[in-house]
């Protein structure tokens, strides 16, 4: 069960997170080498966090997840990115924010997920009615 949850987590954090910061559908994200690389980096970091927590994800999970994303309709988006775009509260804290927190706990580097989490954070706080200028 843990393995299945982490497989899904790897998918949604990368697809949703990269979609949220690029504001683009999966077709555009996967077609551009730069944003495709962001997807791959995000997944690789989640994979590293999972492994550090002794979750036995397959070695090919990143490649397999990219293949799955390649099969999606080009106009596909996630609820995370739609909520960010619409200025609504999103799952940012629970997706990429969780990757960042778990990576820190495990001593694993997650700079791509940190970027993805931190970039829309002011907008996320505003959507939740939190003054982004205060800590």
C-alpha atoms as a PDB file:
ATOM      1  CA  UNK A   1       0.000   0.000   0.000  1.00  0.00           C
ATOM      2  CA  UNK A   2       2.825   2.435   0.838  1.00  0.00           C
ATOM      3  CA  UNK A   3       4.395   1.758  -2.546  1.00  0.00           C
ATOM      4  CA  UNK A   4       1.154   2.564  -4.408  1.00  0.00           C
ATOM      5  CA  UNK A   5       0.706   5.791  -2.427  1.00  0.00           C
ATOM      6  CA  UNK A   6       4.250   6.922  -3.201  1.00  0.00           C
ATOM      7  CA  UNK A   7       3.828   6.078  -6.899  1.00  0.00           C
ATOM      8  CA  UNK A   8       0.750   8.317  -6.996  1.00  0.00           C
ATOM      9  CA  UNK A   9       2.539  10.972  -4.907  1.00  0.00           C
ATOM     10  CA  UNK A  10       5.443  11.010  -7.385  1.00  0.00           C
ATOM     11  CA  UNK A  11       2.982  11.537 -10.250  1.00  0.00           C
ATOM     12  CA  UNK A  12       0.789  14.246  -8.727  1.00  0.00           C
ATOM     13  CA  UNK A  13       3.568  16.321  -7.189  1.00  0.00           C
ATOM     14  CA  UNK A  14       5.494  16.479 -10.440  1.00  0.00           C
ATOM     15  CA  UNK A  15       2.570  16.987 -12.840  1.00  0.00           C
ATOM     16  CA  UNK A  16       0.695  19.350 -10.515  1.00  0.00           C
ATOM     17  CA  UNK A  17       3.724  21.242  -9.292  1.00  0.00           C
ATOM     18  CA  UNK A  18       5.289  21.850 -12.684  1.00  0.00           C
ATOM     19  CA  UNK A  19       1.866  22.722 -14.072  1.00  0.00           C
ATOM     20  CA  UNK A  20       1.331  25.222 -11.267  1.00  0.00           C
ATOM     21  CA  UNK A  21       4.579  27.098 -11.875  1.00  0.00           C
ATOM     22  CA  UNK A  22       4.430  26.965 -15.695  1.00  0.00           C
ATOM     23  CA  UNK A  23       0.658  27.499 -15.941  1.00  0.00           C
ATOM     24  CA  UNK A  24       0.766  25.141 -18.926  1.00  0.00           C
ATOM     25  CA  UNK A  25      -1.059  21.927 -19.818  1.00  0.00           C
ATOM     26  CA  UNK A  26       0.831  18.644 -19.896  1.00  0.00           C
ATOM     27  CA  UNK A  27       1.211  18.700 -23.698  1.00  0.00           C
ATOM     28  CA  UNK A  28       3.271  21.891 -23.597  1.00  0.00           C
ATOM     29  CA  UNK A  29       5.185  20.836 -20.481  1.00  0.00           C
ATOM     30  CA  UNK A  30       6.272  17.481 -21.866  1.00  0.00           C
ATOM     31  CA  UNK A  31       7.082  18.888 -25.336  1.00  0.00           C
ATOM     32  CA  UNK A  32       9.659  21.420 -24.122  1.00  0.00           C
ATOM     33  CA  UNK A  33      12.984  19.903 -23.032  1.00  0.00           C
ATOM     34  CA  UNK A  34      13.345  22.462 -20.214  1.00  0.00           C
ATOM     35  CA  UNK A  35       9.972  21.783 -18.587  1.00  0.00           C
ATOM     36  CA  UNK A  36      10.156  18.055 -19.266  1.00  0.00           C
ATOM     37  CA  UNK A  37      13.435  18.133 -17.325  1.00  0.00           C
ATOM     38  CA  UNK A  38      11.618  19.879 -14.444  1.00  0.00           C
ATOM     39  CA  UNK A  39       9.117  16.988 -14.383  1.00  0.00           C
ATOM     40  CA  UNK A  40      11.936  14.478 -14.320  1.00  0.00           C
ATOM     41  CA  UNK A  41      13.873  16.346 -11.607  1.00  0.00           C
ATOM     42  CA  UNK A  42      10.765  16.643  -9.447  1.00  0.00           C
ATOM     43  CA  UNK A  43      10.108  12.904  -9.774  1.00  0.00           C
ATOM     44  CA  UNK A  44      13.730  12.011  -9.103  1.00  0.00           C
ATOM     45  CA  UNK A  45      13.613  13.976  -5.845  1.00  0.00           C
ATOM     46  CA  UNK A  46      10.395  12.256  -4.738  1.00  0.00           C
ATOM     47  CA  UNK A  47      11.989   8.928  -5.624  1.00  0.00           C
ATOM     48  CA  UNK A  48      15.013   9.790  -3.459  1.00  0.00           C
ATOM     49  CA  UNK A  49      12.782  10.750  -0.521  1.00  0.00           C
ATOM     50  CA  UNK A  50      10.804   7.522  -0.886  1.00  0.00           C
ATOM     51  CA  UNK A  51      13.972   5.438  -0.974  1.00  0.00           C
ATOM     52  CA  UNK A  52      15.327   7.252   2.090  1.00  0.00           C
ATOM     53  CA  UNK A  53      12.130   6.189   3.872  1.00  0.00           C
ATOM     54  CA  UNK A  54      12.657   2.590   2.707  1.00  0.00           C
ATOM     55  CA  UNK A  55       9.760   2.641   0.235  1.00  0.00           C
ATOM     56  CA  UNK A  56      10.588   0.110  -2.477  1.00  0.00           C
ATOM     57  CA  UNK A  57       9.704   2.034  -5.614  1.00  0.00           C
ATOM     58  CA  UNK A  58      10.825   0.415  -8.861  1.00  0.00           C
ATOM     59  CA  UNK A  59      14.061   1.722 -10.319  1.00  0.00           C
ATOM     60  CA  UNK A  60      12.148   2.579 -13.517  1.00  0.00           C
ATOM     61  CA  UNK A  61       9.380   4.575 -11.787  1.00  0.00           C
ATOM     62  CA  UNK A  62      10.534   7.943 -13.136  1.00  0.00           C
ATOM     63  CA  UNK A  63      10.780   6.675 -16.730  1.00  0.00           C
ATOM     64  CA  UNK A  64       7.472   4.816 -16.380  1.00  0.00           C
ATOM     65  CA  UNK A  65       5.721   7.903 -15.002  1.00  0.00           C
ATOM     66  CA  UNK A  66       7.080  10.050 -17.842  1.00  0.00           C
ATOM     67  CA  UNK A  67       5.738   7.459 -20.291  1.00  0.00           C
ATOM     68  CA  UNK A  68       2.338   7.653 -18.596  1.00  0.00           C
ATOM     69  CA  UNK A  69       2.372  11.469 -18.798  1.00  0.00           C
ATOM     70  CA  UNK A  70       3.227  11.164 -22.488  1.00  0.00           C
ATOM     71  CA  UNK A  71      -0.005   9.197 -22.966  1.00  0.00           C
ATOM     72  CA  UNK A  72      -2.281  11.886 -21.489  1.00  0.00           C
ATOM     73  CA  UNK A  73      -4.343  14.267 -23.590  1.00  0.00           C
ATOM     74  CA  UNK A  74      -2.234  17.359 -24.314  1.00  0.00           C
ATOM     75  CA  UNK A  75      -4.705  19.705 -22.609  1.00  0.00           C
ATOM     76  CA  UNK A  76      -4.533  17.816 -19.295  1.00  0.00           C
ATOM     77  CA  UNK A  77      -4.100  19.778 -16.064  1.00  0.00           C
ATOM     78  CA  UNK A  78      -4.353  18.996 -12.352  1.00  0.00           C
ATOM     79  CA  UNK A  79      -6.557  20.377  -9.613  1.00  0.00           C
ATOM     80  CA  UNK A  80      -3.451  21.913  -7.997  1.00  0.00           C
ATOM     81  CA  UNK A  81      -2.572  23.981 -11.029  1.00  0.00           C
ATOM     82  CA  UNK A  82      -6.189  24.943 -11.753  1.00  0.00           C
ATOM     83  CA  UNK A  83      -6.645  26.134  -8.166  1.00  0.00           C
ATOM     84  CA  UNK A  84      -3.379  28.122  -8.259  1.00  0.00           C
ATOM     85  CA  UNK A  85      -4.367  29.726 -11.571  1.00  0.00           C
ATOM     86  CA  UNK A  86      -7.849  30.540 -10.228  1.00  0.00           C
ATOM     87  CA  UNK A  87      -6.453  32.051  -7.006  1.00  0.00           C
ATOM     88  CA  UNK A  88      -8.103  29.373  -4.842  1.00  0.00           C
ATOM     89  CA  UNK A  89      -6.569  27.432  -1.954  1.00  0.00           C
ATOM     90  CA  UNK A  90      -4.781  24.393  -3.371  1.00  0.00           C
ATOM     91  CA  UNK A  91      -3.034  21.167  -2.394  1.00  0.00           C
ATOM     92  CA  UNK A  92       0.384  22.870  -2.648  1.00  0.00           C
ATOM     93  CA  UNK A  93       1.116  22.400   1.055  1.00  0.00           C
ATOM     94  CA  UNK A  94       0.208  18.706   0.896  1.00  0.00           C
ATOM     95  CA  UNK A  95       1.969  17.887  -2.343  1.00  0.00           C
ATOM     96  CA  UNK A  96       5.210  19.770  -3.011  1.00  0.00           C
ATOM     97  CA  UNK A  97       5.270  21.240   0.498  1.00  0.00           C
ATOM     98  CA  UNK A  98       5.180  17.704   1.889  1.00  0.00           C
ATOM     99  CA  UNK A  99       8.051  16.652  -0.379  1.00  0.00           C
ATOM    100  CA  UNK A 100      10.104  19.574   0.927  1.00  0.00           C
ATOM    101  CA  UNK A 101       9.348  18.746   4.579  1.00  0.00           C
ATOM    102  CA  UNK A 102       9.987  15.008   4.170  1.00  0.00           C
ATOM    103  CA  UNK A 103      13.214  15.664   2.261  1.00  0.00           C
ATOM    104  CA  UNK A 104      14.478  17.891   5.069  1.00  0.00           C
ATOM    105  CA  UNK A 105      13.572  15.260   7.674  1.00  0.00           C
ATOM    106  CA  UNK A 106      15.491  12.630   5.728  1.00  0.00           C
ATOM    107  CA  UNK A 107      18.457  14.854   4.803  1.00  0.00           C
ATOM    108  CA  UNK A 108      17.660  14.549   1.090  1.00  0.00           C
ATOM    109  CA  UNK A 109      18.113  17.444  -1.329  1.00  0.00           C
ATOM    110  CA  UNK A 110      14.930  18.549  -3.122  1.00  0.00           C
ATOM    111  CA  UNK A 111      15.762  21.875  -4.811  1.00  0.00           C
ATOM    112  CA  UNK A 112      13.248  21.444  -7.644  1.00  0.00           C
ATOM    113  CA  UNK A 113      10.412  20.762  -5.229  1.00  0.00           C
ATOM    114  CA  UNK A 114      11.552  23.679  -3.078  1.00  0.00           C
ATOM    115  CA  UNK A 115      11.352  25.953  -6.116  1.00  0.00           C
ATOM    116  CA  UNK A 116       7.934  24.588  -7.056  1.00  0.00           C
ATOM    117  CA  UNK A 117       6.662  24.964  -3.484  1.00  0.00           C
ATOM    118  CA  UNK A 118       8.111  28.411  -2.831  1.00  0.00           C
ATOM    119  CA  UNK A 119       7.160  30.021  -6.160  1.00  0.00           C
ATOM    120  CA  UNK A 120       3.347  30.061  -5.761  1.00  0.00           C
ATOM    121  CA  UNK A 121       3.457  30.224  -1.951  1.00  0.00           C
ATOM    122  CA  UNK A 122       2.622  33.961  -1.691  1.00  0.00           C
ATOM    123  CA  UNK A 123      -0.442  33.428  -3.893  1.00  0.00           C
ATOM    124  CA  UNK A 124      -1.404  30.319  -1.906  1.00  0.00           C
ATOM    125  CA  UNK A 125      -1.217  32.230   1.376  1.00  0.00           C
ATOM    126  CA  UNK A 126      -3.304  35.041  -0.092  1.00  0.00           C
ATOM    127  CA  UNK A 127      -5.918  32.495  -1.263  1.00  0.00           C
ATOM    128  CA  UNK A 128      -6.071  31.165   2.310  1.00  0.00           C
ATOM    129  CA  UNK A 129      -6.424  34.672   3.784  1.00  0.00           C
ATOM    130  CA  UNK A 130      -2.950  34.675   5.321  1.00  0.00           C
ATOM    131  CA  UNK A 131      -0.818  37.810   5.151  1.00  0.00           C
ATOM    132  CA  UNK A 132       2.122  36.643   3.030  1.00  0.00           C
ATOM    133  CA  UNK A 133       4.300  39.487   4.362  1.00  0.00           C
ATOM    134  CA  UNK A 134       4.153  38.079   7.888  1.00  0.00           C
ATOM    135  CA  UNK A 135       5.754  34.835   9.033  1.00  0.00           C
END
